Structures are given as C-alpha cells and as structure tokens.
Amino acid sequence: MNRAINRLKIIFVGIFIASIVGVFGYHYLWVWPKARCDARQDAAWAGKWLKCAKVYPIENLTGRPANLPPINTDTSKMEGPSVRNPEKK
C-alpha cells in the first residue's frame, strides 16, 4: 500500500509540474507578447504567426488619398457576364 501511495504522489507531482510548465509556456509565447503588442498603438497582433506587426493604411501603400470615392461602384456601367447578369444567347 505504501508503494502505491508513493507512486501516486510522484505521478501527481509530475502532472502538477507539467501543468505549471504548460501555463508558463503559454503565457511566455502568447499572453505576454500580445499584451506588449496591444500596448503599442500602431501595431496589431497576428496570432497565427505569433508576431506583432506595424499596421500600414492602404493609402500609404497605394498612394491614393483617403477622401476619394471608390472606383467602379456603379454596377450599371460594368460590362461582361456575371452571376447577376448572365450573358444572353
């Protein structure tokens, strides 16, 4: 009986240590970097890659001013077959 209690004690201590390592690893790899990234105002957390990236507005990439209306929004001027307007035979 004493040997079984000692074995169970070792098993539970091992499970406890493994769970502590898992929780610490989760916080080290996910929670703390995400909190640091969220503290920055110009960055966004990409959880899939575990990266903090700077957010660039589309206007910076395209050079198009933000106050211009969208291009090609009038569907009546669009030509060619589509799902809504199939080509008639």
C-alpha atoms as a PDB file:
ATOM      1  CA  MET A   1       0.000   0.000   0.000  1.00  0.00           C
ATOM      2  CA  ASN A   2       2.813   2.398   0.865  1.00  0.00           C
ATOM      3  CA  ARG A   3       4.469   1.814  -2.549  1.00  0.00           C
ATOM      4  CA  ALA A   4       1.219   2.674  -4.359  1.00  0.00           C
ATOM      5  CA  ILE A   5       0.869   5.929  -2.412  1.00  0.00           C
ATOM      6  CA  ASN A   6       4.456   6.893  -3.233  1.00  0.00           C
ATOM      7  CA  ARG A   7       3.894   6.099  -6.914  1.00  0.00           C
ATOM      8  CA  LEU A   8       0.681   8.167  -6.977  1.00  0.00           C
ATOM      9  CA  LYS A   9       2.471  11.002  -5.212  1.00  0.00           C
ATOM     10  CA  ILE A  10       5.198  11.038  -7.895  1.00  0.00           C
ATOM     11  CA  ILE A  11       2.597  10.887 -10.677  1.00  0.00           C
ATOM     12  CA  PHE A  12       0.591  13.810  -9.264  1.00  0.00           C
ATOM     13  CA  VAL A  13       3.711  15.893  -8.651  1.00  0.00           C
ATOM     14  CA  GLY A  14       4.776  15.196 -12.249  1.00  0.00           C
ATOM     15  CA  ILE A  15       1.356  16.236 -13.593  1.00  0.00           C
ATOM     16  CA  PHE A  16       1.477  19.370 -11.449  1.00  0.00           C
ATOM     17  CA  ILE A  17       4.951  20.337 -12.713  1.00  0.00           C
ATOM     18  CA  ALA A  18       3.940  19.635 -16.330  1.00  0.00           C
ATOM     19  CA  SER A  19       0.851  21.835 -15.961  1.00  0.00           C
ATOM     20  CA  ILE A  20       2.922  24.658 -14.443  1.00  0.00           C
ATOM     21  CA  VAL A  21       5.384  24.447 -17.345  1.00  0.00           C
ATOM     22  CA  GLY A  22       2.474  24.454 -19.815  1.00  0.00           C
ATOM     23  CA  VAL A  23       0.835  27.504 -18.279  1.00  0.00           C
ATOM     24  CA  PHE A  24       4.146  29.371 -18.100  1.00  0.00           C
ATOM     25  CA  GLY A  25       4.940  28.452 -21.720  1.00  0.00           C
ATOM     26  CA  TYR A  26       1.507  29.645 -22.871  1.00  0.00           C
ATOM     27  CA  HIS A  27       1.983  32.969 -21.122  1.00  0.00           C
ATOM     28  CA  TYR A  28       5.567  33.320 -22.375  1.00  0.00           C
ATOM     29  CA  LEU A  29       4.684  32.552 -26.022  1.00  0.00           C
ATOM     30  CA  TRP A  30       1.208  34.108 -26.308  1.00  0.00           C
ATOM     31  CA  VAL A  31      -0.139  36.271 -23.473  1.00  0.00           C
ATOM     32  CA  TRP A  32       2.861  38.489 -22.650  1.00  0.00           C
ATOM     33  CA  PRO A  33       3.862  39.262 -26.272  1.00  0.00           C
ATOM     34  CA  LYS A  34       0.216  40.006 -27.141  1.00  0.00           C
ATOM     35  CA  ALA A  35      -0.070  42.361 -24.168  1.00  0.00           C
ATOM     36  CA  ARG A  36       3.119  44.176 -25.217  1.00  0.00           C
ATOM     37  CA  CYS A  37       1.814  44.431 -28.779  1.00  0.00           C
ATOM     38  CA  ASP A  38      -1.579  45.706 -27.646  1.00  0.00           C
ATOM     39  CA  ALA A  39       0.167  48.384 -25.585  1.00  0.00           C
ATOM     40  CA  ARG A  40       1.666  49.788 -28.784  1.00  0.00           C
ATOM     41  CA  GLN A  41      -0.860  51.944 -30.607  1.00  0.00           C
ATOM     42  CA  ASP A  42       0.492  51.421 -34.145  1.00  0.00           C
ATOM     43  CA  ALA A  43       0.753  47.630 -34.078  1.00  0.00           C
ATOM     44  CA  ALA A  44      -1.524  44.610 -34.379  1.00  0.00           C
ATOM     45  CA  TRP A  45      -1.074  41.086 -33.036  1.00  0.00           C
ATOM     46  CA  ALA A  46      -1.010  38.309 -35.629  1.00  0.00           C
ATOM     47  CA  GLY A  47      -1.816  35.274 -33.506  1.00  0.00           C
ATOM     48  CA  LYS A  48      -1.365  32.778 -36.328  1.00  0.00           C
ATOM     49  CA  TRP A  49       2.326  33.677 -36.626  1.00  0.00           C
ATOM     50  CA  LEU A  50       2.818  34.947 -33.053  1.00  0.00           C
ATOM     51  CA  LYS A  51       4.094  38.265 -34.396  1.00  0.00           C
ATOM     52  CA  CYS A  52       3.484  41.916 -33.663  1.00  0.00           C
ATOM     53  CA  ALA A  53       3.286  43.863 -36.910  1.00  0.00           C
ATOM     54  CA  LYS A  54       3.003  47.524 -37.734  1.00  0.00           C
ATOM     55  CA  VAL A  55      -0.303  48.459 -39.360  1.00  0.00           C
ATOM     56  CA  TYR A  56       0.001  50.401 -42.614  1.00  0.00           C
ATOM     57  CA  PRO A  57      -3.055  52.178 -44.009  1.00  0.00           C
ATOM     58  CA  ILE A  58      -3.897  51.254 -47.594  1.00  0.00           C
ATOM     59  CA  GLU A  59      -3.419  54.903 -48.580  1.00  0.00           C
ATOM     60  CA  ASN A  60       0.292  54.641 -47.752  1.00  0.00           C
ATOM     61  CA  LEU A  61       0.708  51.591 -49.946  1.00  0.00           C
ATOM     62  CA  THR A  62      -1.303  52.772 -52.972  1.00  0.00           C
ATOM     63  CA  GLY A  63      -0.674  56.489 -52.820  1.00  0.00           C
ATOM     64  CA  ARG A  64      -4.398  57.159 -53.257  1.00  0.00           C
ATOM     65  CA  PRO A  65      -5.867  59.863 -50.974  1.00  0.00           C
ATOM     66  CA  ALA A  66      -8.373  58.695 -48.381  1.00  0.00           C
ATOM     67  CA  ASN A  67     -11.065  61.236 -49.303  1.00  0.00           C
ATOM     68  CA  LEU A  68     -11.596  59.993 -52.901  1.00  0.00           C
ATOM     69  CA  PRO A  69     -14.714  57.921 -53.654  1.00  0.00           C
ATOM     70  CA  PRO A  70     -14.265  54.230 -54.513  1.00  0.00           C
ATOM     71  CA  ILE A  71     -13.589  53.275 -58.114  1.00  0.00           C
ATOM     72  CA  ASN A  72     -16.133  51.243 -60.165  1.00  0.00           C
ATOM     73  CA  THR A  73     -19.035  51.336 -57.752  1.00  0.00           C
ATOM     74  CA  ASP A  74     -21.729  51.897 -60.407  1.00  0.00           C
ATOM     75  CA  THR A  75     -22.722  48.376 -61.452  1.00  0.00           C
ATOM     76  CA  SER A  76     -24.818  49.594 -64.388  1.00  0.00           C
ATOM     77  CA  LYS A  77     -21.639  50.731 -66.169  1.00  0.00           C
ATOM     78  CA  MET A  78     -19.865  47.423 -65.712  1.00  0.00           C
ATOM     79  CA  GLU A  79     -19.768  45.208 -68.789  1.00  0.00           C
ATOM     80  CA  GLY A  80     -19.471  41.498 -69.320  1.00  0.00           C
ATOM     81  CA  PRO A  81     -21.298  38.440 -67.993  1.00  0.00           C
ATOM     82  CA  SER A  82     -21.558  37.881 -64.292  1.00  0.00           C
ATOM     83  CA  VAL A  83     -23.594  35.847 -61.855  1.00  0.00           C
ATOM     84  CA  ARG A  84     -26.219  38.565 -61.536  1.00  0.00           C
ATOM     85  CA  ASN A  85     -26.236  39.493 -65.196  1.00  0.00           C
ATOM     86  CA  PRO A  86     -25.551  36.352 -67.275  1.00  0.00           C
ATOM     87  CA  GLU A  87     -24.783  36.652 -70.951  1.00  0.00           C
ATOM     88  CA  LYS A  88     -27.917  36.162 -73.072  1.00  0.00           C
ATOM     89  CA  LYS A  89     -27.772  33.915 -76.130  1.00  0.00           C
END
